[in-house]
Amino acid sequence: GDIVPAGDGELKAFKGCCVTVVGKEWGSFGDGVIDMGGEGAKHTR
């Protein structure tokens, strides 16, 4: 949206979840991996 001040006021946040953007086909140098279970789950929050 427009450039407006940030840093004060009231927010509400849904905790315990996140929007995760994933490429259906194509990756890039800065893209990575998330494992939701098993040993891989220990590597990221």
PDB file of all heavy atoms in Angstrom:
ATOM      1  N   GLY A   1       0.827  -1.195   0.000  1.00  0.00           N
ATOM      2  CA  GLY A   1       0.000   0.000   0.000  1.00  0.00           C
ATOM      3  C   GLY A   1       0.862   1.247   0.000  1.00  0.00           C
ATOM      4  O   GLY A   1       2.062   1.197  -0.287  1.00  0.00           O
ATOM      5  N   ASP A   2       0.250   2.371   0.323  1.00  0.00           N
ATOM      6  CA  ASP A   2       0.955   3.651   0.310  1.00  0.00           C
ATOM      7  C   ASP A   2       2.095   3.675   1.331  1.00  0.00           C
ATOM      8  O   ASP A   2       2.118   2.905   2.289  1.00  0.00           O
ATOM      9  CB  ASP A   2      -0.022   4.782   0.627  1.00  0.00           C
ATOM     10  CG  ASP A   2      -1.073   4.968  -0.451  1.00  0.00           C
ATOM     11  OD1 ASP A   2      -0.821   4.540  -1.595  1.00  0.00           O
ATOM     12  OD2 ASP A   2      -2.149   5.521  -0.141  1.00  0.00           O
ATOM     13  N   ILE A   3       3.007   4.600   1.108  1.00  0.00           N
ATOM     14  CA  ILE A   3       4.084   4.819   2.072  1.00  0.00           C
ATOM     15  C   ILE A   3       3.514   5.641   3.228  1.00  0.00           C
ATOM     16  O   ILE A   3       3.183   6.825   3.060  1.00  0.00           O
ATOM     17  CB  ILE A   3       5.276   5.544   1.415  1.00  0.00           C
ATOM     18  CG1 ILE A   3       5.819   4.712   0.252  1.00  0.00           C
ATOM     19  CG2 ILE A   3       6.368   5.804   2.444  1.00  0.00           C
ATOM     20  CD1 ILE A   3       6.867   5.419  -0.571  1.00  0.00           C
ATOM     21  N   VAL A   4       3.379   4.988   4.367  1.00  0.00           N
ATOM     22  CA  VAL A   4       2.816   5.617   5.558  1.00  0.00           C
ATOM     23  C   VAL A   4       3.738   5.308   6.730  1.00  0.00           C
ATOM     24  O   VAL A   4       4.572   4.391   6.666  1.00  0.00           O
ATOM     25  CB  VAL A   4       1.395   5.093   5.852  1.00  0.00           C
ATOM     26  CG1 VAL A   4       0.424   5.509   4.751  1.00  0.00           C
ATOM     27  CG2 VAL A   4       1.395   3.570   6.012  1.00  0.00           C
ATOM     28  N   PRO A   5       3.628   6.071   7.830  1.00  0.00           N
ATOM     29  CA  PRO A   5       4.487   5.789   8.986  1.00  0.00           C
ATOM     30  C   PRO A   5       4.252   4.396   9.546  1.00  0.00           C
ATOM     31  O   PRO A   5       3.132   3.878   9.539  1.00  0.00           O
ATOM     32  CB  PRO A   5       4.089   6.868   9.998  1.00  0.00           C
ATOM     33  CG  PRO A   5       3.480   7.960   9.182  1.00  0.00           C
ATOM     34  CD  PRO A   5       2.797   7.271   8.039  1.00  0.00           C
ATOM     35  N   ALA A   6       5.308   3.790  10.049  1.00  0.00           N
ATOM     36  CA  ALA A   6       5.226   2.508  10.751  1.00  0.00           C
ATOM     37  C   ALA A   6       5.922   2.666  12.103  1.00  0.00           C
ATOM     38  O   ALA A   6       6.714   3.576  12.307  1.00  0.00           O
ATOM     39  CB  ALA A   6       5.884   1.403   9.936  1.00  0.00           C
ATOM     40  N   GLY A   7       5.599   1.764  13.017  1.00  0.00           N
ATOM     41  CA  GLY A   7       6.308   1.750  14.297  1.00  0.00           C
ATOM     42  C   GLY A   7       5.490   2.178  15.488  1.00  0.00           C
ATOM     43  O   GLY A   7       5.967   2.086  16.624  1.00  0.00           O
ATOM     44  N   ASP A   8       4.260   2.660  15.264  1.00  0.00           N
ATOM     45  CA  ASP A   8       3.407   2.987  16.399  1.00  0.00           C
ATOM     46  C   ASP A   8       1.968   2.586  16.071  1.00  0.00           C
ATOM     47  O   ASP A   8       1.620   2.336  14.925  1.00  0.00           O
ATOM     48  CB  ASP A   8       3.496   4.468  16.772  1.00  0.00           C
ATOM     49  CG  ASP A   8       3.061   5.383  15.629  1.00  0.00           C
ATOM     50  OD1 ASP A   8       2.802   4.888  14.523  1.00  0.00           O
ATOM     51  OD2 ASP A   8       2.986   6.600  15.857  1.00  0.00           O
ATOM     52  N   GLY A   9       1.157   2.482  17.115  1.00  0.00           N
ATOM     53  CA  GLY A   9      -0.230   2.087  16.913  1.00  0.00           C
ATOM     54  C   GLY A   9      -0.479   0.657  17.379  1.00  0.00           C
ATOM     55  O   GLY A   9       0.312   0.071  18.116  1.00  0.00           O
ATOM     56  N   GLU A  10      -1.598   0.098  16.927  1.00  0.00           N
ATOM     57  CA  GLU A  10      -2.019  -1.227  17.357  1.00  0.00           C
ATOM     58  C   GLU A  10      -2.061  -2.205  16.188  1.00  0.00           C
ATOM     59  O   GLU A  10      -2.544  -1.881  15.105  1.00  0.00           O
ATOM     60  CB  GLU A  10      -3.414  -1.168  17.996  1.00  0.00           C
ATOM     61  CG  GLU A  10      -3.482  -0.357  19.271  1.00  0.00           C
ATOM     62  CD  GLU A  10      -4.880  -0.343  19.848  1.00  0.00           C
ATOM     63  OE1 GLU A  10      -5.551  -1.402  19.813  1.00  0.00           O
ATOM     64  OE2 GLU A  10      -5.317   0.719  20.322  1.00  0.00           O
ATOM     65  N   LEU A  11      -1.546  -3.386  16.448  1.00  0.00           N
ATOM     66  CA  LEU A  11      -1.586  -4.500  15.506  1.00  0.00           C
ATOM     67  C   LEU A  11      -2.260  -5.687  16.170  1.00  0.00           C
ATOM     68  O   LEU A  11      -2.278  -5.798  17.400  1.00  0.00           O
ATOM     69  CB  LEU A  11      -0.175  -4.935  15.111  1.00  0.00           C
ATOM     70  CG  LEU A  11       0.705  -4.043  14.247  1.00  0.00           C
ATOM     71  CD1 LEU A  11       2.129  -4.568  14.281  1.00  0.00           C
ATOM     72  CD2 LEU A  11       0.203  -4.015  12.819  1.00  0.00           C
ATOM     73  N   LYS A  12      -2.767  -6.598  15.370  1.00  0.00           N
ATOM     74  CA  LYS A  12      -3.112  -7.930  15.836  1.00  0.00           C
ATOM     75  C   LYS A  12      -2.386  -8.930  14.941  1.00  0.00           C
ATOM     76  O   LYS A  12      -2.233  -8.702  13.737  1.00  0.00           O
ATOM     77  CB  LYS A  12      -4.615  -8.165  15.800  1.00  0.00           C
ATOM     78  CG  LYS A  12      -5.376  -7.408  16.887  1.00  0.00           C
ATOM     79  CD  LYS A  12      -6.855  -7.736  16.861  1.00  0.00           C
ATOM     80  CE  LYS A  12      -7.603  -6.946  17.934  1.00  0.00           C
ATOM     81  NZ  LYS A  12      -9.073  -7.209  17.881  1.00  0.00           N
ATOM     82  N   ALA A  13      -1.907 -10.013  15.559  1.00  0.00           N
ATOM     83  CA  ALA A  13      -1.106 -10.985  14.826  1.00  0.00           C
ATOM     84  C   ALA A  13      -1.589 -12.398  15.121  1.00  0.00           C
ATOM     85  O   ALA A  13      -1.853 -12.751  16.279  1.00  0.00           O
ATOM     86  CB  ALA A  13       0.362 -10.851  15.225  1.00  0.00           C
ATOM     87  N   PHE A  14      -1.693 -13.208  14.063  1.00  0.00           N
ATOM     88  CA  PHE A  14      -1.958 -14.631  14.232  1.00  0.00           C
ATOM     89  C   PHE A  14      -0.638 -15.331  14.544  1.00  0.00           C
ATOM     90  O   PHE A  14       0.276 -15.355  13.723  1.00  0.00           O
ATOM     91  CB  PHE A  14      -2.596 -15.222  12.977  1.00  0.00           C
ATOM     92  CG  PHE A  14      -4.062 -14.918  12.823  1.00  0.00           C
ATOM     93  CD1 PHE A  14      -4.552 -14.337  11.666  1.00  0.00           C
ATOM     94  CD2 PHE A  14      -4.955 -15.234  13.840  1.00  0.00           C
ATOM     95  CE1 PHE A  14      -5.911 -14.084  11.520  1.00  0.00           C
ATOM     96  CE2 PHE A  14      -6.314 -14.971  13.705  1.00  0.00           C
ATOM     97  CZ  PHE A  14      -6.797 -14.386  12.548  1.00  0.00           C
ATOM     98  N   LYS A  15      -0.540 -15.900  15.735  1.00  0.00           N
ATOM     99  CA  LYS A  15       0.695 -16.541  16.183  1.00  0.00           C
ATOM    100  C   LYS A  15       0.622 -18.056  15.984  1.00  0.00           C
ATOM    101  O   LYS A  15      -0.444 -18.667  16.058  1.00  0.00           O
ATOM    102  CB  LYS A  15       0.952 -16.251  17.657  1.00  0.00           C
ATOM    103  CG  LYS A  15       0.898 -14.777  18.040  1.00  0.00           C
ATOM    104  CD  LYS A  15       1.911 -13.933  17.278  1.00  0.00           C
ATOM    105  CE  LYS A  15       3.329 -14.180  17.694  1.00  0.00           C
ATOM    106  NZ  LYS A  15       4.254 -13.170  17.092  1.00  0.00           N
ATOM    107  N   GLY A  16       1.791 -18.619  15.725  1.00  0.00           N
ATOM    108  CA  GLY A  16       1.866 -20.063  15.536  1.00  0.00           C
ATOM    109  C   GLY A  16       1.687 -20.493  14.103  1.00  0.00           C
ATOM    110  O   GLY A  16       1.593 -21.700  13.815  1.00  0.00           O
ATOM    111  N   CYS A  17       1.633 -19.524  13.195  1.00  0.00           N
ATOM    112  CA  CYS A  17       1.496 -19.841  11.773  1.00  0.00           C
ATOM    113  C   CYS A  17       2.259 -18.817  10.959  1.00  0.00           C
ATOM    114  O   CYS A  17       2.644 -17.761  11.463  1.00  0.00           O
ATOM    115  CB  CYS A  17       0.029 -19.874  11.353  1.00  0.00           C
ATOM    116  SG  CYS A  17      -0.809 -18.275  11.458  1.00  0.00           S
ATOM    117  N   CYS A  18       2.472 -19.127   9.706  1.00  0.00           N
ATOM    118  CA  CYS A  18       3.118 -18.162   8.808  1.00  0.00           C
ATOM    119  C   CYS A  18       2.675 -18.445   7.385  1.00  0.00           C
ATOM    120  O   CYS A  18       2.332 -19.582   7.028  1.00  0.00           O
ATOM    121  CB  CYS A  18       4.642 -18.226   8.909  1.00  0.00           C
ATOM    122  SG  CYS A  18       5.376 -19.805   8.400  1.00  0.00           S
ATOM    123  N   VAL A  19       2.673 -17.407   6.574  1.00  0.00           N
ATOM    124  CA  VAL A  19       2.528 -17.566   5.128  1.00  0.00           C
ATOM    125  C   VAL A  19       3.895 -17.954   4.584  1.00  0.00           C
ATOM    126  O   VAL A  19       4.893 -17.272   4.841  1.00  0.00           O
ATOM    127  CB  VAL A  19       2.033 -16.268   4.461  1.00  0.00           C
ATOM    128  CG1 VAL A  19       2.165 -16.359   2.940  1.00  0.00           C
ATOM    129  CG2 VAL A  19       0.592 -15.984   4.850  1.00  0.00           C
ATOM    130  N   THR A  20       3.945 -19.058   3.873  1.00  0.00           N
ATOM    131  CA  THR A  20       5.199 -19.555   3.303  1.00  0.00           C
ATOM    132  C   THR A  20       5.065 -19.557   1.782  1.00  0.00           C
ATOM    133  O   THR A  20       4.221 -20.270   1.234  1.00  0.00           O
ATOM    134  CB  THR A  20       5.501 -20.976   3.814  1.00  0.00           C
ATOM    135  OG1 THR A  20       5.576 -20.946   5.244  1.00  0.00           O
ATOM    136  CG2 THR A  20       6.807 -21.496   3.257  1.00  0.00           C
ATOM    137  N   VAL A  21       5.879 -18.736   1.124  1.00  0.00           N
ATOM    138  CA  VAL A  21       5.804 -18.605  -0.334  1.00  0.00           C
ATOM    139  C   VAL A  21       6.726 -19.655  -0.968  1.00  0.00           C
ATOM    140  O   VAL A  21       7.906 -19.740  -0.633  1.00  0.00           O
ATOM    141  CB  VAL A  21       6.200 -17.197  -0.788  1.00  0.00           C
ATOM    142  CG1 VAL A  21       6.045 -17.055  -2.296  1.00  0.00           C
ATOM    143  CG2 VAL A  21       5.369 -16.144  -0.055  1.00  0.00           C
ATOM    144  N   VAL A  22       6.160 -20.446  -1.893  1.00  0.00           N
ATOM    145  CA  VAL A  22       6.877 -21.580  -2.476  1.00  0.00           C
ATOM    146  C   VAL A  22       6.773 -21.525  -3.996  1.00  0.00           C
ATOM    147  O   VAL A  22       5.699 -21.261  -4.548  1.00  0.00           O
ATOM    148  CB  VAL A  22       6.273 -22.919  -1.980  1.00  0.00           C
ATOM    149  CG1 VAL A  22       7.122 -24.099  -2.446  1.00  0.00           C
ATOM    150  CG2 VAL A  22       6.122 -22.917  -0.463  1.00  0.00           C
ATOM    151  N   GLY A  23       7.877 -21.784  -4.670  1.00  0.00           N
ATOM    152  CA  GLY A  23       7.844 -21.883  -6.121  1.00  0.00           C
ATOM    153  C   GLY A  23       7.273 -23.235  -6.543  1.00  0.00           C
ATOM    154  O   GLY A  23       7.753 -24.282  -6.093  1.00  0.00           O
ATOM    155  N   LYS A  24       6.268 -23.227  -7.397  1.00  0.00           N
ATOM    156  CA  LYS A  24       5.689 -24.491  -7.865  1.00  0.00           C
ATOM    157  C   LYS A  24       6.663 -25.254  -8.754  1.00  0.00           C
ATOM    158  O   LYS A  24       6.705 -26.488  -8.738  1.00  0.00           O
ATOM    159  CB  LYS A  24       4.387 -24.227  -8.631  1.00  0.00           C
ATOM    160  CG  LYS A  24       3.718 -25.500  -9.116  1.00  0.00           C
ATOM    161  CD  LYS A  24       2.420 -25.233  -9.855  1.00  0.00           C
ATOM    162  CE  LYS A  24       1.809 -26.553 -10.321  1.00  0.00           C
ATOM    163  NZ  LYS A  24       0.545 -26.338 -11.063  1.00  0.00           N
ATOM    164  N   GLU A  25       7.456 -24.509  -9.531  1.00  0.00           N
ATOM    165  CA  GLU A  25       8.387 -25.142 -10.462  1.00  0.00           C
ATOM    166  C   GLU A  25       9.827 -24.696 -10.241  1.00  0.00           C
ATOM    167  O   GLU A  25      10.733 -25.501 -10.177  1.00  0.00           O
ATOM    168  CB  GLU A  25       7.980 -24.828 -11.908  1.00  0.00           C
ATOM    169  CG  GLU A  25       6.628 -25.391 -12.321  1.00  0.00           C
ATOM    170  CD  GLU A  25       6.613 -26.904 -12.387  1.00  0.00           C
ATOM    171  OE1 GLU A  25       7.702 -27.515 -12.511  1.00  0.00           O
ATOM    172  OE2 GLU A  25       5.516 -27.493 -12.314  1.00  0.00           O
ATOM    173  N   TRP A  26      10.015 -23.376 -10.100  1.00  0.00           N
ATOM    174  CA  TRP A  26      11.357 -22.818 -10.224  1.00  0.00           C
ATOM    175  C   TRP A  26      11.893 -22.300  -8.899  1.00  0.00           C
ATOM    176  O   TRP A  26      11.204 -21.634  -8.146  1.00  0.00           O
ATOM    177  CB  TRP A  26      11.364 -21.698 -11.274  1.00  0.00           C
ATOM    178  CG  TRP A  26      10.846 -22.166 -12.587  1.00  0.00           C
ATOM    179  CD1 TRP A  26       9.574 -22.051 -13.069  1.00  0.00           C
ATOM    180  CD2 TRP A  26      11.586 -22.884 -13.567  1.00  0.00           C
ATOM    181  NE1 TRP A  26       9.468 -22.632 -14.305  1.00  0.00           N
ATOM    182  CE2 TRP A  26      10.702 -23.162 -14.643  1.00  0.00           C
ATOM    183  CE3 TRP A  26      12.903 -23.320 -13.663  1.00  0.00           C
ATOM    184  CZ2 TRP A  26      11.095 -23.853 -15.778  1.00  0.00           C
ATOM    185  CZ3 TRP A  26      13.292 -24.004 -14.800  1.00  0.00           C
ATOM    186  CH2 TRP A  26      12.399 -24.265 -15.846  1.00  0.00           C
ATOM    187  N   GLY A  27      13.185 -22.604  -8.658  1.00  0.00           N
ATOM    188  CA  GLY A  27      13.878 -22.103  -7.481  1.00  0.00           C
ATOM    189  C   GLY A  27      14.904 -21.064  -7.852  1.00  0.00           C
ATOM    190  O   GLY A  27      15.112 -20.741  -9.022  1.00  0.00           O
ATOM    191  N   SER A  28      15.596 -20.551  -6.841  1.00  0.00           N
ATOM    192  CA  SER A  28      16.578 -19.495  -7.028  1.00  0.00           C
ATOM    193  C   SER A  28      17.667 -19.656  -5.983  1.00  0.00           C
ATOM    194  O   SER A  28      17.515 -20.402  -5.001  1.00  0.00           O
ATOM    195  CB  SER A  28      15.890 -18.131  -6.887  1.00  0.00           C
ATOM    196  OG  SER A  28      16.816 -17.078  -7.028  1.00  0.00           O
ATOM    197  N   PHE A  29      18.754 -18.955  -6.169  1.00  0.00           N
ATOM    198  CA  PHE A  29      19.906 -19.019  -5.265  1.00  0.00           C
ATOM    199  C   PHE A  29      19.501 -18.756  -3.814  1.00  0.00           C
ATOM    200  O   PHE A  29      20.016 -19.378  -2.891  1.00  0.00           O
ATOM    201  CB  PHE A  29      20.953 -17.994  -5.715  1.00  0.00           C
ATOM    202  CG  PHE A  29      22.186 -17.964  -4.859  1.00  0.00           C
ATOM    203  CD1 PHE A  29      23.084 -19.017  -4.878  1.00  0.00           C
ATOM    204  CD2 PHE A  29      22.463 -16.868  -4.052  1.00  0.00           C
ATOM    205  CE1 PHE A  29      24.234 -18.987  -4.100  1.00  0.00           C
ATOM    206  CE2 PHE A  29      23.611 -16.832  -3.272  1.00  0.00           C
ATOM    207  CZ  PHE A  29      24.500 -17.896  -3.300  1.00  0.00           C
ATOM    208  N   GLY A  30      18.576 -17.843  -3.593  1.00  0.00           N
ATOM    209  CA  GLY A  30      18.191 -17.463  -2.242  1.00  0.00           C
ATOM    210  C   GLY A  30      17.073 -18.275  -1.648  1.00  0.00           C
ATOM    211  O   GLY A  30      16.638 -18.009  -0.518  1.00  0.00           O
ATOM    212  N   ASP A  31      16.573 -19.275  -2.375  1.00  0.00           N
ATOM    213  CA  ASP A  31      15.454 -20.083  -1.891  1.00  0.00           C
ATOM    214  C   ASP A  31      15.974 -21.303  -1.142  1.00  0.00           C
ATOM    215  O   ASP A  31      17.097 -21.760  -1.377  1.00  0.00           O
ATOM    216  CB  ASP A  31      14.579 -20.524  -3.060  1.00  0.00           C
ATOM    217  CG  ASP A  31      14.028 -19.353  -3.850  1.00  0.00           C
ATOM    218  OD1 ASP A  31      14.038 -18.232  -3.325  1.00  0.00           O
ATOM    219  OD2 ASP A  31      13.599 -19.559  -5.004  1.00  0.00           O
ATOM    220  N   GLY A  32      15.140 -21.861  -0.262  1.00  0.00           N
ATOM    221  CA  GLY A  32      15.627 -22.940   0.581  1.00  0.00           C
ATOM    222  C   GLY A  32      14.630 -24.048   0.821  1.00  0.00           C
ATOM    223  O   GLY A  32      13.610 -24.172   0.132  1.00  0.00           O
ATOM    224  N   VAL A  33      14.939 -24.850   1.840  1.00  0.00           N
ATOM    225  CA  VAL A  33      14.197 -26.058   2.175  1.00  0.00           C
ATOM    226  C   VAL A  33      13.653 -25.946   3.598  1.00  0.00           C
ATOM    227  O   VAL A  33      14.323 -25.428   4.492  1.00  0.00           O
ATOM    228  CB  VAL A  33      15.106 -27.309   2.073  1.00  0.00           C
ATOM    229  CG1 VAL A  33      14.358 -28.570   2.481  1.00  0.00           C
ATOM    230  CG2 VAL A  33      15.686 -27.445   0.670  1.00  0.00           C
ATOM    231  N   ILE A  34      12.431 -26.433   3.812  1.00  0.00           N
ATOM    232  CA  ILE A  34      11.861 -26.612   5.143  1.00  0.00           C
ATOM    233  C   ILE A  34      11.367 -28.048   5.237  1.00  0.00           C
ATOM    234  O   ILE A  34      10.616 -28.509   4.375  1.00  0.00           O
ATOM    235  CB  ILE A  34      10.678 -25.654   5.403  1.00  0.00           C
ATOM    236  CG1 ILE A  34      11.137 -24.196   5.414  1.00  0.00           C
ATOM    237  CG2 ILE A  34       9.998 -25.998   6.736  1.00  0.00           C
ATOM    238  CD1 ILE A  34       9.979 -23.195   5.466  1.00  0.00           C
ATOM    239  N   ASP A  35      11.784 -28.768   6.274  1.00  0.00           N
ATOM    240  CA  ASP A  35      11.215 -30.073   6.589  1.00  0.00           C
ATOM    241  C   ASP A  35      10.307 -29.913   7.800  1.00  0.00           C
ATOM    242  O   ASP A  35      10.717 -29.355   8.822  1.00  0.00           O
ATOM    243  CB  ASP A  35      12.311 -31.096   6.903  1.00  0.00           C
ATOM    244  CG  ASP A  35      12.858 -31.783   5.666  1.00  0.00           C
ATOM    245  OD1 ASP A  35      12.529 -31.335   4.545  1.00  0.00           O
ATOM    246  OD2 ASP A  35      13.634 -32.751   5.811  1.00  0.00           O
ATOM    247  N   MET A  36       9.096 -30.429   7.710  1.00  0.00           N
ATOM    248  CA  MET A  36       8.133 -30.280   8.797  1.00  0.00           C
ATOM    249  C   MET A  36       8.241 -31.387   9.842  1.00  0.00           C
ATOM    250  O   MET A  36       7.734 -31.257  10.958  1.00  0.00           O
ATOM    251  CB  MET A  36       6.716 -30.262   8.228  1.00  0.00           C
ATOM    252  CG  MET A  36       6.432 -29.080   7.308  1.00  0.00           C
ATOM    253  SD  MET A  36       6.691 -27.471   8.094  1.00  0.00           S
ATOM    254  CE  MET A  36       5.427 -27.502   9.368  1.00  0.00           C
ATOM    255  N   GLY A  37       8.881 -32.497   9.502  1.00  0.00           N
ATOM    256  CA  GLY A  37       9.007 -33.604  10.445  1.00  0.00           C
ATOM    257  C   GLY A  37      10.351 -34.284  10.318  1.00  0.00           C
ATOM    258  O   GLY A  37      11.179 -33.938   9.476  1.00  0.00           O
ATOM    259  N   GLY A  38      10.597 -35.285  11.187  1.00  0.00           N
ATOM    260  CA  GLY A  38      11.828 -36.043  11.144  1.00  0.00           C
ATOM    261  C   GLY A  38      13.038 -35.232  11.566  1.00  0.00           C
ATOM    262  O   GLY A  38      12.930 -34.169  12.186  1.00  0.00           O
ATOM    263  N   GLU A  39      14.226 -35.741  11.218  1.00  0.00           N
ATOM    264  CA  GLU A  39      15.476 -35.070  11.589  1.00  0.00           C
ATOM    265  C   GLU A  39      15.587 -33.684  10.966  1.00  0.00           C
ATOM    266  O   GLU A  39      16.152 -32.771  11.542  1.00  0.00           O
ATOM    267  CB  GLU A  39      16.677 -35.931  11.174  1.00  0.00           C
ATOM    268  CG  GLU A  39      16.898 -37.151  12.037  1.00  0.00           C
ATOM    269  CD  GLU A  39      17.238 -36.780  13.466  1.00  0.00           C
ATOM    270  OE1 GLU A  39      18.145 -35.956  13.668  1.00  0.00           O
ATOM    271  OE2 GLU A  39      16.585 -37.320  14.387  1.00  0.00           O
ATOM    272  N   GLY A  40      15.035 -33.532   9.767  1.00  0.00           N
ATOM    273  CA  GLY A  40      15.121 -32.244   9.086  1.00  0.00           C
ATOM    274  C   GLY A  40      14.417 -31.126   9.821  1.00  0.00           C
ATOM    275  O   GLY A  40      14.790 -29.953   9.717  1.00  0.00           O
ATOM    276  N   ALA A  41      13.385 -31.472  10.604  1.00  0.00           N
ATOM    277  CA  ALA A  41      12.621 -30.453  11.338  1.00  0.00           C
ATOM    278  C   ALA A  41      13.474 -29.760  12.385  1.00  0.00           C
ATOM    279  O   ALA A  41      13.135 -28.656  12.838  1.00  0.00           O
ATOM    280  CB  ALA A  41      11.400 -31.088  11.989  1.00  0.00           C
ATOM    281  N   LYS A  42      14.584 -30.382  12.771  1.00  0.00           N
ATOM    282  CA  LYS A  42      15.442 -29.805  13.807  1.00  0.00           C
ATOM    283  C   LYS A  42      16.276 -28.631  13.277  1.00  0.00           C
ATOM    284  O   LYS A  42      16.914 -27.938  14.061  1.00  0.00           O
ATOM    285  CB  LYS A  42      16.374 -30.874  14.363  1.00  0.00           C
ATOM    286  CG  LYS A  42      15.653 -32.028  15.039  1.00  0.00           C
ATOM    287  CD  LYS A  42      16.644 -33.086  15.516  1.00  0.00           C
ATOM    288  CE  LYS A  42      15.925 -34.255  16.178  1.00  0.00           C
ATOM    289  NZ  LYS A  42      16.885 -35.300  16.623  1.00  0.00           N
ATOM    290  N   HIS A  43      16.253 -28.428  11.973  1.00  0.00           N
ATOM    291  CA  HIS A  43      17.152 -27.443  11.380  1.00  0.00           C
ATOM    292  C   HIS A  43      16.561 -26.036  11.273  1.00  0.00           C
ATOM    293  O   HIS A  43      17.304 -25.082  11.022  1.00  0.00           O
ATOM    294  CB  HIS A  43      17.603 -27.909   9.991  1.00  0.00           C
ATOM    295  CG  HIS A  43      18.603 -29.016  10.036  1.00  0.00           C
ATOM    296  ND1 HIS A  43      19.964 -28.792  10.040  1.00  0.00           N
ATOM    297  CD2 HIS A  43      18.440 -30.363  10.116  1.00  0.00           C
ATOM    298  CE1 HIS A  43      20.595 -29.950  10.096  1.00  0.00           C
ATOM    299  NE2 HIS A  43      19.697 -30.917  10.145  1.00  0.00           N
ATOM    300  N   THR A  44      15.243 -25.894  11.385  1.00  0.00           N
ATOM    301  CA  THR A  44      14.660 -24.562  11.278  1.00  0.00           C
ATOM    302  C   THR A  44      13.488 -24.396  12.235  1.00  0.00           C
ATOM    303  O   THR A  44      12.837 -25.369  12.621  1.00  0.00           O
ATOM    304  CB  THR A  44      14.140 -24.242   9.854  1.00  0.00           C
ATOM    305  OG1 THR A  44      12.910 -24.921   9.640  1.00  0.00           O
ATOM    306  CG2 THR A  44      15.140 -24.613   8.785  1.00  0.00           C
ATOM    307  N   ARG A  45      13.197 -23.154  12.584  1.00  0.00           N
ATOM    308  CA  ARG A  45      12.041 -22.837  13.424  1.00  0.00           C
ATOM    309  C   ARG A  45      10.720 -23.011  12.680  1.00  0.00           C
ATOM    310  O   ARG A  45       9.665 -23.148  13.294  1.00  0.00           O
ATOM    311  CB  ARG A  45      12.136 -21.385  13.908  1.00  0.00           C
ATOM    312  CG  ARG A  45      13.226 -21.133  14.940  1.00  0.00           C
ATOM    313  CD  ARG A  45      12.831 -21.637  16.295  1.00  0.00           C
ATOM    314  NE  ARG A  45      13.828 -21.334  17.310  1.00  0.00           N
ATOM    315  CZ  ARG A  45      13.810 -21.832  18.542  1.00  0.00           C
ATOM    316  NH1 ARG A  45      12.863 -22.670  18.896  1.00  0.00           N
ATOM    317  NH2 ARG A  45      14.747 -21.504  19.417  1.00  0.00           N
TER     318      ARG A  45
END
